[in-house]
Amino acid sequence: MSHKFKLRQQVRMVQGGFSDRLTSSGDTFEIVQLMPEDRSGEASYRIRSRMGDRAVRESEIAAIF
């Protein structure tokens, strides 16, 4: 599987979980690293916002147009 998003692309979170309490749905993130696929074969990314860095799966983010 190839990566859908590119380095330095602006994205937002599309779904939150328990660990996302400090992240509001309006936060903008920047792709800072393309990471290997996880065990399920889904591409992963390292993203950065003003709150810090985090790792996410491709299904957890969407492009900002």
C-alpha atoms as a PDB file:
ATOM      1  CA  MET A   1       0.000   0.000   0.000  1.00  0.00           C
ATOM      2  CA  SER A   2       1.320   3.454  -0.818  1.00  0.00           C
ATOM      3  CA  HIS A   3       0.825   6.605   1.230  1.00  0.00           C
ATOM      4  CA  LYS A   4      -2.170   8.751   0.320  1.00  0.00           C
ATOM      5  CA  PHE A   5      -0.769  11.917   1.939  1.00  0.00           C
ATOM      6  CA  LYS A   6       2.544  13.699   1.312  1.00  0.00           C
ATOM      7  CA  LEU A   7       5.148  15.316   3.552  1.00  0.00           C
ATOM      8  CA  ARG A   8       4.220  18.839   4.751  1.00  0.00           C
ATOM      9  CA  GLN A   9       0.564  18.308   3.721  1.00  0.00           C
ATOM     10  CA  GLN A  10      -2.029  19.827   6.084  1.00  0.00           C
ATOM     11  CA  VAL A  11      -4.551  17.347   7.533  1.00  0.00           C
ATOM     12  CA  ARG A  12      -7.153  17.094  10.290  1.00  0.00           C
ATOM     13  CA  MET A  13      -8.300  14.240  12.521  1.00  0.00           C
ATOM     14  CA  VAL A  14     -11.503  12.525  11.383  1.00  0.00           C
ATOM     15  CA  GLN A  15     -12.168  10.416  14.443  1.00  0.00           C
ATOM     16  CA  GLY A  16     -11.216  10.663  18.068  1.00  0.00           C
ATOM     17  CA  GLY A  17     -10.694   8.170  20.777  1.00  0.00           C
ATOM     18  CA  PHE A  18     -10.031   8.122  24.492  1.00  0.00           C
ATOM     19  CA  SER A  19      -6.492   9.499  24.080  1.00  0.00           C
ATOM     20  CA  ASP A  20      -7.707  12.432  21.967  1.00  0.00           C
ATOM     21  CA  ARG A  21      -9.244  14.463  24.778  1.00  0.00           C
ATOM     22  CA  LEU A  22      -6.641  17.214  24.382  1.00  0.00           C
ATOM     23  CA  THR A  23      -7.103  17.423  20.611  1.00  0.00           C
ATOM     24  CA  SER A  24     -10.015  19.435  19.333  1.00  0.00           C
ATOM     25  CA  SER A  25     -11.565  18.418  16.028  1.00  0.00           C
ATOM     26  CA  GLY A  26     -10.588  21.801  14.555  1.00  0.00           C
ATOM     27  CA  ASP A  27      -6.836  21.340  15.030  1.00  0.00           C
ATOM     28  CA  THR A  28      -4.674  21.374  11.933  1.00  0.00           C
ATOM     29  CA  PHE A  29      -1.768  18.967  11.639  1.00  0.00           C
ATOM     30  CA  GLU A  30       1.179  18.754   9.260  1.00  0.00           C
ATOM     31  CA  ILE A  31       2.561  15.457   7.952  1.00  0.00           C
ATOM     32  CA  VAL A  32       6.178  15.354   9.149  1.00  0.00           C
ATOM     33  CA  GLN A  33       7.067  11.698   8.462  1.00  0.00           C
ATOM     34  CA  LEU A  34       5.779   8.831   6.330  1.00  0.00           C
ATOM     35  CA  MET A  35       5.953   5.700   8.468  1.00  0.00           C
ATOM     36  CA  PRO A  36       5.802   2.011   7.527  1.00  0.00           C
ATOM     37  CA  GLU A  37       2.508   0.167   7.241  1.00  0.00           C
ATOM     38  CA  ASP A  38       1.133  -1.327  10.438  1.00  0.00           C
ATOM     39  CA  ARG A  39       0.332  -5.035  10.840  1.00  0.00           C
ATOM     40  CA  SER A  40      -2.970  -4.614   9.031  1.00  0.00           C
ATOM     41  CA  GLY A  41      -1.220  -3.077   6.012  1.00  0.00           C
ATOM     42  CA  GLU A  42      -2.517   0.444   6.645  1.00  0.00           C
ATOM     43  CA  ALA A  43      -0.106   3.340   6.033  1.00  0.00           C
ATOM     44  CA  SER A  44       0.950   5.374   9.071  1.00  0.00           C
ATOM     45  CA  TYR A  45       2.184   8.928   9.564  1.00  0.00           C
ATOM     46  CA  ARG A  46       3.858  11.145  12.133  1.00  0.00           C
ATOM     47  CA  ILE A  47       1.884  14.400  12.352  1.00  0.00           C
ATOM     48  CA  ARG A  48       2.568  17.670  14.212  1.00  0.00           C
ATOM     49  CA  SER A  49       0.364  20.409  15.613  1.00  0.00           C
ATOM     50  CA  ARG A  50       0.898  23.199  18.108  1.00  0.00           C
ATOM     51  CA  MET A  51       0.130  20.615  20.822  1.00  0.00           C
ATOM     52  CA  GLY A  52       2.941  18.262  19.741  1.00  0.00           C
ATOM     53  CA  ASP A  53       3.643  15.211  17.596  1.00  0.00           C
ATOM     54  CA  ARG A  54       1.728  11.967  17.327  1.00  0.00           C
ATOM     55  CA  ALA A  55       1.518   8.854  15.162  1.00  0.00           C
ATOM     56  CA  VAL A  56      -1.707   8.090  13.288  1.00  0.00           C
ATOM     57  CA  ARG A  57      -3.081   5.647  10.766  1.00  0.00           C
ATOM     58  CA  GLU A  58      -4.186   6.865   7.362  1.00  0.00           C
ATOM     59  CA  SER A  59      -7.856   6.238   8.187  1.00  0.00           C
ATOM     60  CA  GLU A  60      -7.654   8.662  11.134  1.00  0.00           C
ATOM     61  CA  ILE A  61      -6.842  11.767   9.066  1.00  0.00           C
ATOM     62  CA  ALA A  62      -8.274  13.717   6.124  1.00  0.00           C
ATOM     63  CA  ALA A  63      -6.758  16.333   3.813  1.00  0.00           C
ATOM     64  CA  ILE A  64      -7.561  20.007   4.280  1.00  0.00           C
ATOM     65  CA  PHE A  65      -8.445  21.667   0.989  1.00  0.00           C
END
